[in-house]
Every structure is written in structure tokens, then in C-alpha cells.
Amino acid sequence: QVQLVESGGGLVQAGGSLRLSCAASGRPVSTYNMGWFRQAPGKERESVANISWSGGSTYYADSVKGRATISRDNAKNTVYLQMSALKPEDTAIYYCAARYRGVASYDYWGQGTQVTVSS
């Protein structure tokens, strides 16, 4: 089992930045692909970014491309999402998830952290 705990959310003004962290426990996540998702009120959950188990491959949704950077520190069993130039439409609950390499679906999810961007 992998437990994931997100932190770093909060209230930020448009144009600001923040860094979300996802601390994993239970197992080393060095062999897991990791992803960040978000869900805004009344909307479906969407993928924001993901990073391969090695860190060698990343993906970004078009909505955050150029404004977000996903990274991982396997020694700390932690994944990060750095976001800048935040917009009100970035307001959502952000979730971290883990997917064992070779597995199609994300098996482990955190409880989420709220990000609110004021205009």
C-alpha cells in the first residue's frame, strides 16, 4: 500500500505561484509513475501533469503547459508540482496519484489539497 499526502495548497492571487508537495509513505515510489490531477467545482477531474518513475518523462495538460513543472525526489519519496502565473481557473482541489510502472490505472490517491486563486 502507498499512502499519499498532499500539501502546499492555499489562497493565492492571480499571477502568483505555489508549490504543491506529495509525500508518499508505505512503499518507495521510485518504481511508480506519479501524477497530479485536479477537480474544480462542478467539473470532472482532469489530469494536470505526470512524471515517469525515473523522472525522465513528463506530461503537462495544455491548460498548464509553460506554467507548471512536475518533479520528484525519490530519496525523499516526494513529488512536487510547481505552478506559476496562476489564474482563477486553476482553482480546484489538487490530487496526487501513484501508478505502478506497467500498470494502466492510478491505484493510489491522496486526499487532495485546495488551491484557490483570487482575481
PDB file of N, CA and C in Angstrom:
ATOM      1  N   GLN A   1       0.824  -1.194   0.000  1.00  0.00           N
ATOM      2  CA  GLN A   1       0.000   0.000   0.000  1.00  0.00           C
ATOM      3  C   GLN A   1       0.862   1.248   0.000  1.00  0.00           C
ATOM      4  N   VAL A   2       0.388   2.241  -0.675  1.00  0.00           N
ATOM      5  CA  VAL A   2       1.064   3.530  -0.726  1.00  0.00           C
ATOM      6  C   VAL A   2       0.099   4.576  -0.191  1.00  0.00           C
ATOM      7  N   GLN A   3       0.554   5.350   0.752  1.00  0.00           N
ATOM      8  CA  GLN A   3      -0.236   6.465   1.259  1.00  0.00           C
ATOM      9  C   GLN A   3       0.365   7.762   0.708  1.00  0.00           C
ATOM     10  N   LEU A   4      -0.523   8.634   0.257  1.00  0.00           N
ATOM     11  CA  LEU A   4      -0.092   9.895  -0.334  1.00  0.00           C
ATOM     12  C   LEU A   4      -0.739  11.055   0.421  1.00  0.00           C
ATOM     13  N   VAL A   5       0.057  12.034   0.754  1.00  0.00           N
ATOM     14  CA  VAL A   5      -0.457  13.208   1.454  1.00  0.00           C
ATOM     15  C   VAL A   5       0.016  14.459   0.729  1.00  0.00           C
ATOM     16  N   GLU A   6      -0.937  15.229   0.252  1.00  0.00           N
ATOM     17  CA  GLU A   6      -0.624  16.473  -0.451  1.00  0.00           C
ATOM     18  C   GLU A   6      -0.550  17.635   0.537  1.00  0.00           C
ATOM     19  N   SER A   7       0.232  18.614   0.197  1.00  0.00           N
ATOM     20  CA  SER A   7       0.313  19.837   0.982  1.00  0.00           C
ATOM     21  C   SER A   7       0.746  20.964   0.072  1.00  0.00           C
ATOM     22  N   GLY A   8       0.631  22.185   0.603  1.00  0.00           N
ATOM     23  CA  GLY A   8       1.098  23.338  -0.158  1.00  0.00           C
ATOM     24  C   GLY A   8       0.006  24.156  -0.810  1.00  0.00           C
ATOM     25  N   GLY A   9      -1.233  23.691  -0.720  1.00  0.00           N
ATOM     26  CA  GLY A   9      -2.325  24.461  -1.288  1.00  0.00           C
ATOM     27  C   GLY A   9      -2.632  25.679  -0.445  1.00  0.00           C
ATOM     28  N   GLY A  10      -3.524  26.512  -0.946  1.00  0.00           N
ATOM     29  CA  GLY A  10      -3.916  27.694  -0.207  1.00  0.00           C
ATOM     30  C   GLY A  10      -4.531  28.719  -1.115  1.00  0.00           C
ATOM     31  N   LEU A  11      -4.630  29.927  -0.593  1.00  0.00           N
ATOM     32  CA  LEU A  11      -5.200  31.053  -1.333  1.00  0.00           C
ATOM     33  C   LEU A  11      -4.064  31.894  -1.894  1.00  0.00           C
ATOM     34  N   VAL A  12      -4.115  32.154  -3.172  1.00  0.00           N
ATOM     35  CA  VAL A  12      -3.063  32.931  -3.820  1.00  0.00           C
ATOM     36  C   VAL A  12      -3.713  33.869  -4.835  1.00  0.00           C
ATOM     37  N   GLN A  13      -3.112  35.005  -5.038  1.00  0.00           N
ATOM     38  CA  GLN A  13      -3.624  35.949  -6.016  1.00  0.00           C
ATOM     39  C   GLN A  13      -3.250  35.531  -7.426  1.00  0.00           C
ATOM     40  N   ALA A  14      -4.080  35.930  -8.359  1.00  0.00           N
ATOM     41  CA  ALA A  14      -3.777  35.651  -9.761  1.00  0.00           C
ATOM     42  C   ALA A  14      -2.400  36.202 -10.104  1.00  0.00           C
ATOM     43  N   GLY A  15      -1.658  35.400 -10.839  1.00  0.00           N
ATOM     44  CA  GLY A  15      -0.292  35.774 -11.187  1.00  0.00           C
ATOM     45  C   GLY A  15       0.740  35.244 -10.226  1.00  0.00           C
ATOM     46  N   GLY A  16       0.287  34.735  -9.107  1.00  0.00           N
ATOM     47  CA  GLY A  16       1.196  34.213  -8.096  1.00  0.00           C
ATOM     48  C   GLY A  16       1.648  32.796  -8.385  1.00  0.00           C
ATOM     49  N   SER A  17       2.411  32.283  -7.445  1.00  0.00           N
ATOM     50  CA  SER A  17       2.982  30.938  -7.598  1.00  0.00           C
ATOM     51  C   SER A  17       2.772  30.137  -6.326  1.00  0.00           C
ATOM     52  N   LEU A  18       2.833  28.835  -6.477  1.00  0.00           N
ATOM     53  CA  LEU A  18       2.896  27.969  -5.324  1.00  0.00           C
ATOM     54  C   LEU A  18       3.483  26.633  -5.713  1.00  0.00           C
ATOM     55  N   ARG A  19       3.902  25.897  -4.697  1.00  0.00           N
ATOM     56  CA  ARG A  19       4.451  24.571  -4.928  1.00  0.00           C
ATOM     57  C   ARG A  19       3.682  23.567  -4.090  1.00  0.00           C
ATOM     58  N   LEU A  20       3.115  22.611  -4.775  1.00  0.00           N
ATOM     59  CA  LEU A  20       2.425  21.523  -4.102  1.00  0.00           C
ATOM     60  C   LEU A  20       3.403  20.378  -3.880  1.00  0.00           C
ATOM     61  N   SER A  21       3.248  19.725  -2.756  1.00  0.00           N
ATOM     62  CA  SER A  21       4.070  18.560  -2.444  1.00  0.00           C
ATOM     63  C   SER A  21       3.173  17.357  -2.212  1.00  0.00           C
ATOM     64  N   CYS A  22       3.696  16.208  -2.550  1.00  0.00           N
ATOM     65  CA  CYS A  22       3.003  14.951  -2.325  1.00  0.00           C
ATOM     66  C   CYS A  22       3.984  14.002  -1.660  1.00  0.00           C
ATOM     67  N   ALA A  23       3.771  13.776  -0.382  1.00  0.00           N
ATOM     68  CA  ALA A  23       4.655  12.899   0.369  1.00  0.00           C
ATOM     69  C   ALA A  23       4.074  11.495   0.394  1.00  0.00           C
ATOM     70  N   ALA A  24       4.879  10.541   0.000  1.00  0.00           N
ATOM     71  CA  ALA A  24       4.439   9.153  -0.051  1.00  0.00           C
ATOM     72  C   ALA A  24       5.023   8.373   1.116  1.00  0.00           C
ATOM     73  N   SER A  25       4.277   7.400   1.563  1.00  0.00           N
ATOM     74  CA  SER A  25       4.758   6.503   2.610  1.00  0.00           C
ATOM     75  C   SER A  25       4.182   5.120   2.356  1.00  0.00           C
ATOM     76  N   GLY A  26       4.732   4.159   3.052  1.00  0.00           N
ATOM     77  CA  GLY A  26       4.268   2.786   2.903  1.00  0.00           C
ATOM     78  C   GLY A  26       5.167   1.967   2.003  1.00  0.00           C
ATOM     79  N   ARG A  27       5.547   2.550   0.895  1.00  0.00           N
ATOM     80  CA  ARG A  27       6.464   1.921  -0.044  1.00  0.00           C
ATOM     81  C   ARG A  27       7.254   3.000  -0.738  1.00  0.00           C
ATOM     82  N   PRO A  28       8.455   2.680  -1.187  1.00  0.00           N
ATOM     83  CA  PRO A  28       9.181   3.648  -2.017  1.00  0.00           C
ATOM     84  C   PRO A  28       8.433   3.840  -3.327  1.00  0.00           C
ATOM     85  N   VAL A  29       8.295   5.066  -3.776  1.00  0.00           N
ATOM     86  CA  VAL A  29       7.581   5.307  -5.029  1.00  0.00           C
ATOM     87  C   VAL A  29       8.529   5.441  -6.207  1.00  0.00           C
ATOM     88  N   SER A  30       9.759   5.013  -6.003  1.00  0.00           N
ATOM     89  CA  SER A  30      10.739   5.126  -7.079  1.00  0.00           C
ATOM     90  C   SER A  30      10.381   4.270  -8.288  1.00  0.00           C
ATOM     91  N   THR A  31       9.500   3.297  -8.111  1.00  0.00           N
ATOM     92  CA  THR A  31       9.067   2.473  -9.242  1.00  0.00           C
ATOM     93  C   THR A  31       7.635   2.795  -9.651  1.00  0.00           C
ATOM     94  N   TYR A  32       7.141   3.928  -9.206  1.00  0.00           N
ATOM     95  CA  TYR A  32       5.783   4.356  -9.542  1.00  0.00           C
ATOM     96  C   TYR A  32       5.821   5.596 -10.427  1.00  0.00           C
ATOM     97  N   ASN A  33       4.978   5.602 -11.425  1.00  0.00           N
ATOM     98  CA  ASN A  33       4.705   6.831 -12.144  1.00  0.00           C
ATOM     99  C   ASN A  33       3.756   7.657 -11.274  1.00  0.00           C
ATOM    100  N   MET A  34       3.993   8.951 -11.255  1.00  0.00           N
ATOM    101  CA  MET A  34       3.221   9.817 -10.362  1.00  0.00           C
ATOM    102  C   MET A  34       2.485  10.885 -11.166  1.00  0.00           C
ATOM    103  N   GLY A  35       1.312  11.238 -10.691  1.00  0.00           N
ATOM    104  CA  GLY A  35       0.532  12.243 -11.412  1.00  0.00           C
ATOM    105  C   GLY A  35      -0.139  13.232 -10.481  1.00  0.00           C
ATOM    106  N   TRP A  36      -0.402  14.389 -11.017  1.00  0.00           N
ATOM    107  CA  TRP A  36      -1.213  15.399 -10.347  1.00  0.00           C
ATOM    108  C   TRP A  36      -2.496  15.576 -11.154  1.00  0.00           C
ATOM    109  N   PHE A  37      -3.595  15.601 -10.440  1.00  0.00           N
ATOM    110  CA  PHE A  37      -4.905  15.811 -11.029  1.00  0.00           C
ATOM    111  C   PHE A  37      -5.582  16.957 -10.283  1.00  0.00           C
ATOM    112  N   ARG A  38      -6.624  17.477 -10.881  1.00  0.00           N
ATOM    113  CA  ARG A  38      -7.389  18.497 -10.175  1.00  0.00           C
ATOM    114  C   ARG A  38      -8.857  18.381 -10.527  1.00  0.00           C
ATOM    115  N   GLN A  39      -9.677  18.850  -9.606  1.00  0.00           N
ATOM    116  CA  GLN A  39     -11.115  18.853  -9.828  1.00  0.00           C
ATOM    117  C   GLN A  39     -11.693  20.152  -9.303  1.00  0.00           C
ATOM    118  N   ALA A  40     -12.270  20.902 -10.215  1.00  0.00           N
ATOM    119  CA  ALA A  40     -12.928  22.149  -9.847  1.00  0.00           C
ATOM    120  C   ALA A  40     -14.402  21.870  -9.572  1.00  0.00           C
ATOM    121  N   PRO A  41     -15.044  22.736  -8.825  1.00  0.00           N
ATOM    122  CA  PRO A  41     -16.468  22.533  -8.513  1.00  0.00           C
ATOM    123  C   PRO A  41     -17.299  22.401  -9.778  1.00  0.00           C
ATOM    124  N   GLY A  42     -18.101  21.347  -9.821  1.00  0.00           N
ATOM    125  CA  GLY A  42     -18.987  21.141 -10.958  1.00  0.00           C
ATOM    126  C   GLY A  42     -18.305  20.598 -12.199  1.00  0.00           C
ATOM    127  N   LYS A  43     -17.029  20.290 -12.085  1.00  0.00           N
ATOM    128  CA  LYS A  43     -16.295  19.781 -13.247  1.00  0.00           C
ATOM    129  C   LYS A  43     -15.718  18.408 -12.955  1.00  0.00           C
ATOM    130  N   GLU A  44     -15.378  17.703 -14.022  1.00  0.00           N
ATOM    131  CA  GLU A  44     -14.757  16.406 -13.862  1.00  0.00           C
ATOM    132  C   GLU A  44     -13.289  16.559 -13.490  1.00  0.00           C
ATOM    133  N   ARG A  45     -12.779  15.539 -12.854  1.00  0.00           N
ATOM    134  CA  ARG A  45     -11.364  15.538 -12.534  1.00  0.00           C
ATOM    135  C   ARG A  45     -10.552  15.484 -13.821  1.00  0.00           C
ATOM    136  N   GLU A  46      -9.479  16.248 -13.852  1.00  0.00           N
ATOM    137  CA  GLU A  46      -8.634  16.273 -15.039  1.00  0.00           C
ATOM    138  C   GLU A  46      -7.175  16.077 -14.661  1.00  0.00           C
ATOM    139  N   SER A  47      -6.450  15.510 -15.587  1.00  0.00           N
ATOM    140  CA  SER A  47      -5.019  15.327 -15.383  1.00  0.00           C
ATOM    141  C   SER A  47      -4.314  16.655 -15.589  1.00  0.00           C
ATOM    142  N   VAL A  48      -3.404  16.976 -14.712  1.00  0.00           N
ATOM    143  CA  VAL A  48      -2.637  18.211 -14.792  1.00  0.00           C
ATOM    144  C   VAL A  48      -1.221  17.927 -15.298  1.00  0.00           C
ATOM    145  N   ALA A  49      -0.581  16.970 -14.692  1.00  0.00           N
ATOM    146  CA  ALA A  49       0.791  16.634 -15.067  1.00  0.00           C
ATOM    147  C   ALA A  49       1.127  15.256 -14.538  1.00  0.00           C
ATOM    148  N   ASN A  50       2.085  14.590 -15.181  1.00  0.00           N
ATOM    149  CA  ASN A  50       2.584  13.356 -14.615  1.00  0.00           C
ATOM    150  C   ASN A  50       4.053  13.204 -14.938  1.00  0.00           C
ATOM    151  N   ILE A  51       4.675  12.320 -14.193  1.00  0.00           N
ATOM    152  CA  ILE A  51       6.117  12.103 -14.335  1.00  0.00           C
ATOM    153  C   ILE A  51       6.371  10.614 -14.224  1.00  0.00           C
ATOM    154  N   SER A  52       7.272  10.130 -15.052  1.00  0.00           N
ATOM    155  CA  SER A  52       7.584   8.712 -15.037  1.00  0.00           C
ATOM    156  C   SER A  52       8.373   8.337 -13.795  1.00  0.00           C
ATOM    157  N   TRP A  53       8.450   7.037 -13.545  1.00  0.00           N
ATOM    158  CA  TRP A  53       9.111   6.569 -12.337  1.00  0.00           C
ATOM    159  C   TRP A  53      10.569   7.022 -12.282  1.00  0.00           C
ATOM    160  N   SER A  54      11.202   7.143 -13.456  1.00  0.00           N
ATOM    161  CA  SER A  54      12.600   7.551 -13.493  1.00  0.00           C
ATOM    162  C   SER A  54      12.764   9.060 -13.491  1.00  0.00           C
ATOM    163  N   GLY A  55      11.675   9.757 -13.744  1.00  0.00           N
ATOM    164  CA  GLY A  55      11.755  11.201 -13.879  1.00  0.00           C
ATOM    165  C   GLY A  55      12.141  11.649 -15.272  1.00  0.00           C
ATOM    166  N   GLY A  56      12.349  10.696 -16.159  1.00  0.00           N
ATOM    167  CA  GLY A  56      12.825  11.033 -17.484  1.00  0.00           C
ATOM    168  C   GLY A  56      11.765  11.485 -18.457  1.00  0.00           C
ATOM    169  N   SER A  57      10.511  11.287 -18.083  1.00  0.00           N
ATOM    170  CA  SER A  57       9.413  11.647 -18.975  1.00  0.00           C
ATOM    171  C   SER A  57       8.343  12.389 -18.195  1.00  0.00           C
ATOM    172  N   THR A  58       7.889  13.482 -18.768  1.00  0.00           N
ATOM    173  CA  THR A  58       6.831  14.253 -18.118  1.00  0.00           C
ATOM    174  C   THR A  58       5.741  14.592 -19.131  1.00  0.00           C
ATOM    175  N   TYR A  59       4.585  14.869 -18.587  1.00  0.00           N
ATOM    176  CA  TYR A  59       3.437  15.277 -19.400  1.00  0.00           C
ATOM    177  C   TYR A  59       2.754  16.436 -18.707  1.00  0.00           C
ATOM    178  N   TYR A  60       2.258  17.377 -19.512  1.00  0.00           N
ATOM    179  CA  TYR A  60       1.509  18.505 -18.971  1.00  0.00           C
ATOM    180  C   TYR A  60       0.236  18.711 -19.792  1.00  0.00           C
ATOM    181  N   ALA A  61      -0.826  19.005 -19.101  1.00  0.00           N
ATOM    182  CA  ALA A  61      -2.045  19.384 -19.793  1.00  0.00           C
ATOM    183  C   ALA A  61      -1.819  20.730 -20.473  1.00  0.00           C
ATOM    184  N   ASP A  62      -2.496  20.933 -21.582  1.00  0.00           N
ATOM    185  CA  ASP A  62      -2.335  22.192 -22.307  1.00  0.00           C
ATOM    186  C   ASP A  62      -2.661  23.400 -21.424  1.00  0.00           C
ATOM    187  N   SER A  63      -3.592  23.207 -20.512  1.00  0.00           N
ATOM    188  CA  SER A  63      -4.031  24.318 -19.669  1.00  0.00           C
ATOM    189  C   SER A  63      -2.955  24.822 -18.720  1.00  0.00           C
ATOM    190  N   VAL A  64      -1.946  24.001 -18.455  1.00  0.00           N
ATOM    191  CA  VAL A  64      -0.887  24.415 -17.518  1.00  0.00           C
ATOM    192  C   VAL A  64       0.494  24.417 -18.163  1.00  0.00           C
ATOM    193  N   LYS A  65       0.575  24.002 -19.397  1.00  0.00           N
ATOM    194  CA  LYS A  65       1.870  23.912 -20.065  1.00  0.00           C
ATOM    195  C   LYS A  65       2.557  25.268 -20.073  1.00  0.00           C
ATOM    196  N   GLY A  66       3.804  25.281 -19.676  1.00  0.00           N
ATOM    197  CA  GLY A  66       4.552  26.521 -19.603  1.00  0.00           C
ATOM    198  C   GLY A  66       4.427  27.223 -18.262  1.00  0.00           C
ATOM    199  N   ARG A  67       3.474  26.781 -17.449  1.00  0.00           N
ATOM    200  CA  ARG A  67       3.271  27.388 -16.134  1.00  0.00           C
ATOM    201  C   ARG A  67       3.498  26.401 -14.999  1.00  0.00           C
ATOM    202  N   ALA A  68       3.635  25.140 -15.331  1.00  0.00           N
ATOM    203  CA  ALA A  68       3.764  24.113 -14.301  1.00  0.00           C
ATOM    204  C   ALA A  68       5.003  23.270 -14.546  1.00  0.00           C
ATOM    205  N   THR A  69       5.585  22.817 -13.451  1.00  0.00           N
ATOM    206  CA  THR A  69       6.726  21.902 -13.516  1.00  0.00           C
ATOM    207  C   THR A  69       6.524  20.811 -12.495  1.00  0.00           C
ATOM    208  N   ILE A  70       6.506  19.579 -12.966  1.00  0.00           N
ATOM    209  CA  ILE A  70       6.405  18.446 -12.063  1.00  0.00           C
ATOM    210  C   ILE A  70       7.800  17.872 -11.870  1.00  0.00           C
ATOM    211  N   SER A  71       8.096  17.490 -10.647  1.00  0.00           N
ATOM    212  CA  SER A  71       9.409  16.919 -10.351  1.00  0.00           C
ATOM    213  C   SER A  71       9.246  15.902  -9.234  1.00  0.00           C
ATOM    214  N   ARG A  72      10.289  15.132  -9.036  1.00  0.00           N
ATOM    215  CA  ARG A  72      10.234  14.132  -7.972  1.00  0.00           C
ATOM    216  C   ARG A  72      11.594  14.009  -7.327  1.00  0.00           C
ATOM    217  N   ASP A  73      11.566  13.666  -6.063  1.00  0.00           N
ATOM    218  CA  ASP A  73      12.773  13.397  -5.301  1.00  0.00           C
ATOM    219  C   ASP A  73      12.559  12.019  -4.679  1.00  0.00           C
ATOM    220  N   ASN A  74      13.057  11.017  -5.345  1.00  0.00           N
ATOM    221  CA  ASN A  74      12.820   9.648  -4.863  1.00  0.00           C
ATOM    222  C   ASN A  74      13.491   9.390  -3.513  1.00  0.00           C
ATOM    223  N   ALA A  75      14.552  10.088  -3.238  1.00  0.00           N
ATOM    224  CA  ALA A  75      15.207   9.926  -1.936  1.00  0.00           C
ATOM    225  C   ALA A  75      14.291  10.388  -0.807  1.00  0.00           C
ATOM    226  N   LYS A  76      13.459  11.382  -1.113  1.00  0.00           N
ATOM    227  CA  LYS A  76      12.518  11.893  -0.119  1.00  0.00           C
ATOM    228  C   LYS A  76      11.123  11.305  -0.293  1.00  0.00           C
ATOM    229  N   ASN A  77      10.977  10.449  -1.300  1.00  0.00           N
ATOM    230  CA  ASN A  77       9.674   9.837  -1.572  1.00  0.00           C
ATOM    231  C   ASN A  77       8.598  10.906  -1.762  1.00  0.00           C
ATOM    232  N   THR A  78       8.956  11.945  -2.491  1.00  0.00           N
ATOM    233  CA  THR A  78       8.080  13.104  -2.634  1.00  0.00           C
ATOM    234  C   THR A  78       8.033  13.562  -4.085  1.00  0.00           C
ATOM    235  N   VAL A  79       6.849  14.001  -4.483  1.00  0.00           N
ATOM    236  CA  VAL A  79       6.650  14.560  -5.805  1.00  0.00           C
ATOM    237  C   VAL A  79       6.145  15.996  -5.637  1.00  0.00           C
ATOM    238  N   TYR A  80       6.552  16.852  -6.542  1.00  0.00           N
ATOM    239  CA  TYR A  80       6.209  18.260  -6.450  1.00  0.00           C
ATOM    240  C   TYR A  80       5.494  18.739  -7.714  1.00  0.00           C
ATOM    241  N   LEU A  81       4.698  19.765  -7.537  1.00  0.00           N
ATOM    242  CA  LEU A  81       4.114  20.462  -8.676  1.00  0.00           C
ATOM    243  C   LEU A  81       4.284  21.951  -8.425  1.00  0.00           C
ATOM    244  N   GLN A  82       5.163  22.558  -9.181  1.00  0.00           N
ATOM    245  CA  GLN A  82       5.406  23.986  -9.095  1.00  0.00           C
ATOM    246  C   GLN A  82       4.535  24.664 -10.134  1.00  0.00           C
ATOM    247  N   MET A  83       3.746  25.622  -9.689  1.00  0.00           N
ATOM    248  CA  MET A  83       2.878  26.330 -10.615  1.00  0.00           C
ATOM    249  C   MET A  83       3.107  27.823 -10.483  1.00  0.00           C
ATOM    250  N   SER A  84       3.131  28.506 -11.607  1.00  0.00           N
ATOM    251  CA  SER A  84       3.329  29.939 -11.619  1.00  0.00           C
ATOM    252  C   SER A  84       2.277  30.583 -12.528  1.00  0.00           C
ATOM    253  N   ALA A  85       2.257  31.900 -12.514  1.00  0.00           N
ATOM    254  CA  ALA A  85       1.281  32.649 -13.324  1.00  0.00           C
ATOM    255  C   ALA A  85      -0.118  32.080 -13.133  1.00  0.00           C
ATOM    256  N   LEU A  86      -0.468  31.862 -11.882  1.00  0.00           N
ATOM    257  CA  LEU A  86      -1.745  31.206 -11.584  1.00  0.00           C
ATOM    258  C   LEU A  86      -2.923  32.055 -12.032  1.00  0.00           C
ATOM    259  N   LYS A  87      -3.968  31.363 -12.455  1.00  0.00           N
ATOM    260  CA  LYS A  87      -5.175  32.006 -12.944  1.00  0.00           C
ATOM    261  C   LYS A  87      -6.359  31.553 -12.083  1.00  0.00           C
ATOM    262  N   PRO A  88      -7.412  32.338 -12.048  1.00  0.00           N
ATOM    263  CA  PRO A  88      -8.595  31.903 -11.286  1.00  0.00           C
ATOM    264  C   PRO A  88      -9.118  30.534 -11.730  1.00  0.00           C
ATOM    265  N   GLU A  89      -8.942  30.215 -12.992  1.00  0.00           N
ATOM    266  CA  GLU A  89      -9.419  28.911 -13.480  1.00  0.00           C
ATOM    267  C   GLU A  89      -8.556  27.753 -12.999  1.00  0.00           C
ATOM    268  N   ASP A  90      -7.462  28.034 -12.325  1.00  0.00           N
ATOM    269  CA  ASP A  90      -6.656  26.983 -11.708  1.00  0.00           C
ATOM    270  C   ASP A  90      -7.232  26.569 -10.351  1.00  0.00           C
ATOM    271  N   THR A  91      -8.235  27.291  -9.898  1.00  0.00           N
ATOM    272  CA  THR A  91      -8.858  26.960  -8.624  1.00  0.00           C
ATOM    273  C   THR A  91      -9.471  25.570  -8.675  1.00  0.00           C
ATOM    274  N   ALA A  92      -9.065  24.725  -7.739  1.00  0.00           N
ATOM    275  CA  ALA A  92      -9.524  23.332  -7.727  1.00  0.00           C
ATOM    276  C   ALA A  92      -8.917  22.632  -6.522  1.00  0.00           C
ATOM    277  N   ILE A  93      -9.392  21.429  -6.299  1.00  0.00           N
ATOM    278  CA  ILE A  93      -8.708  20.537  -5.373  1.00  0.00           C
ATOM    279  C   ILE A  93      -7.696  19.755  -6.194  1.00  0.00           C
ATOM    280  N   TYR A  94      -6.472  19.753  -5.734  1.00  0.00           N
ATOM    281  CA  TYR A  94      -5.393  19.071  -6.444  1.00  0.00           C
ATOM    282  C   TYR A  94      -5.072  17.764  -5.734  1.00  0.00           C
ATOM    283  N   TYR A  95      -5.032  16.700  -6.521  1.00  0.00           N
ATOM    284  CA  TYR A  95      -4.776  15.376  -6.003  1.00  0.00           C
ATOM    285  C   TYR A  95      -3.491  14.811  -6.588  1.00  0.00           C
ATOM    286  N   CYS A  96      -2.802  14.081  -5.760  1.00  0.00           N
ATOM    287  CA  CYS A  96      -1.630  13.336  -6.178  1.00  0.00           C
ATOM    288  C   CYS A  96      -2.036  11.866  -6.325  1.00  0.00           C
ATOM    289  N   ALA A  97      -1.437  11.184  -7.294  1.00  0.00           N
ATOM    290  CA  ALA A  97      -1.768   9.780  -7.503  1.00  0.00           C
ATOM    291  C   ALA A  97      -0.528   9.007  -7.932  1.00  0.00           C
ATOM    292  N   ALA A  98      -0.552   7.714  -7.643  1.00  0.00           N
ATOM    293  CA  ALA A  98       0.585   6.845  -7.974  1.00  0.00           C
ATOM    294  C   ALA A  98       0.120   5.667  -8.814  1.00  0.00           C
ATOM    295  N   ARG A  99       0.924   5.340  -9.784  1.00  0.00           N
ATOM    296  CA  ARG A  99       0.628   4.230 -10.703  1.00  0.00           C
ATOM    297  C   ARG A  99       1.894   3.407 -10.864  1.00  0.00           C
ATOM    298  N   TYR A 100       1.807   2.154 -10.467  1.00  0.00           N
ATOM    299  CA  TYR A 100       2.999   1.317 -10.600  1.00  0.00           C
ATOM    300  C   TYR A 100       3.365   1.211 -12.075  1.00  0.00           C
ATOM    301  N   ARG A 101       4.633   1.232 -12.376  1.00  0.00           N
ATOM    302  CA  ARG A 101       5.069   1.201 -13.775  1.00  0.00           C
ATOM    303  C   ARG A 101       4.578  -0.070 -14.452  1.00  0.00           C
ATOM    304  N   GLY A 102       4.045   0.111 -15.638  1.00  0.00           N
ATOM    305  CA  GLY A 102       3.488  -1.007 -16.377  1.00  0.00           C
ATOM    306  C   GLY A 102       2.000  -1.204 -16.137  1.00  0.00           C
ATOM    307  N   VAL A 103       1.467  -0.492 -15.149  1.00  0.00           N
ATOM    308  CA  VAL A 103       0.041  -0.584 -14.839  1.00  0.00           C
ATOM    309  C   VAL A 103      -0.678   0.602 -15.464  1.00  0.00           C
ATOM    310  N   ALA A 104      -1.854   0.374 -15.993  1.00  0.00           N
ATOM    311  CA  ALA A 104      -2.537   1.419 -16.744  1.00  0.00           C
ATOM    312  C   ALA A 104      -3.214   2.457 -15.866  1.00  0.00           C
ATOM    313  N   SER A 105      -3.706   2.057 -14.724  1.00  0.00           N
ATOM    314  CA  SER A 105      -4.501   2.977 -13.918  1.00  0.00           C
ATOM    315  C   SER A 105      -3.779   3.383 -12.640  1.00  0.00           C
ATOM    316  N   TYR A 106      -4.181   4.544 -12.127  1.00  0.00           N
ATOM    317  CA  TYR A 106      -3.631   5.013 -10.867  1.00  0.00           C
ATOM    318  C   TYR A 106      -4.344   4.286  -9.722  1.00  0.00           C
ATOM    319  N   ASP A 107      -3.564   3.654  -8.908  1.00  0.00           N
ATOM    320  CA  ASP A 107      -4.116   2.828  -7.837  1.00  0.00           C
ATOM    321  C   ASP A 107      -4.217   3.552  -6.502  1.00  0.00           C
ATOM    322  N   TYR A 108      -3.387   4.547  -6.315  1.00  0.00           N
ATOM    323  CA  TYR A 108      -3.308   5.214  -5.022  1.00  0.00           C
ATOM    324  C   TYR A 108      -3.528   6.707  -5.205  1.00  0.00           C
ATOM    325  N   TRP A 109      -4.335   7.268  -4.312  1.00  0.00           N
ATOM    326  CA  TRP A 109      -4.693   8.675  -4.382  1.00  0.00           C
ATOM    327  C   TRP A 109      -4.551   9.325  -3.012  1.00  0.00           C
ATOM    328  N   GLY A 110      -4.176  10.587  -3.039  1.00  0.00           N
ATOM    329  CA  GLY A 110      -4.161  11.359  -1.815  1.00  0.00           C
ATOM    330  C   GLY A 110      -5.539  11.961  -1.557  1.00  0.00           C
ATOM    331  N   GLN A 111      -5.636  12.693  -0.464  1.00  0.00           N
ATOM    332  CA  GLN A 111      -6.911  13.269  -0.070  1.00  0.00           C
ATOM    333  C   GLN A 111      -7.154  14.623  -0.729  1.00  0.00           C
ATOM    334  N   GLY A 112      -6.131  15.188  -1.317  1.00  0.00           N
ATOM    335  CA  GLY A 112      -6.285  16.448  -2.028  1.00  0.00           C
ATOM    336  C   GLY A 112      -5.908  17.658  -1.201  1.00  0.00           C
ATOM    337  N   THR A 113      -5.535  18.709  -1.893  1.00  0.00           N
ATOM    338  CA  THR A 113      -5.251  19.983  -1.265  1.00  0.00           C
ATOM    339  C   THR A 113      -5.914  21.079  -2.087  1.00  0.00           C
ATOM    340  N   GLN A 114      -6.563  22.000  -1.401  1.00  0.00           N
ATOM    341  CA  GLN A 114      -7.324  23.049  -2.083  1.00  0.00           C
ATOM    342  C   GLN A 114      -6.410  24.174  -2.539  1.00  0.00           C
ATOM    343  N   VAL A 115      -6.561  24.551  -3.789  1.00  0.00           N
ATOM    344  CA  VAL A 115      -5.880  25.721  -4.341  1.00  0.00           C
ATOM    345  C   VAL A 115      -6.964  26.697  -4.798  1.00  0.00           C
ATOM    346  N   THR A 116      -6.894  27.899  -4.279  1.00  0.00           N
ATOM    347  CA  THR A 116      -7.845  28.936  -4.659  1.00  0.00           C
ATOM    348  C   THR A 116      -7.077  30.144  -5.162  1.00  0.00           C
ATOM    349  N   VAL A 117      -7.391  30.551  -6.377  1.00  0.00           N
ATOM    350  CA  VAL A 117      -6.720  31.686  -6.989  1.00  0.00           C
ATOM    351  C   VAL A 117      -7.720  32.823  -7.107  1.00  0.00           C
ATOM    352  N   SER A 118      -7.421  33.906  -6.459  1.00  0.00           N
ATOM    353  CA  SER A 118      -8.322  35.054  -6.481  1.00  0.00           C
ATOM    354  C   SER A 118      -7.922  36.018  -7.594  1.00  0.00           C
ATOM    355  N   SER A 119      -8.915  36.667  -8.174  1.00  0.00           N
ATOM    356  CA  SER A 119      -8.642  37.597  -9.285  1.00  0.00           C
ATOM    357  C   SER A 119      -8.404  39.007  -8.784  1.00  0.00           C
TER     358      SER A 119
END
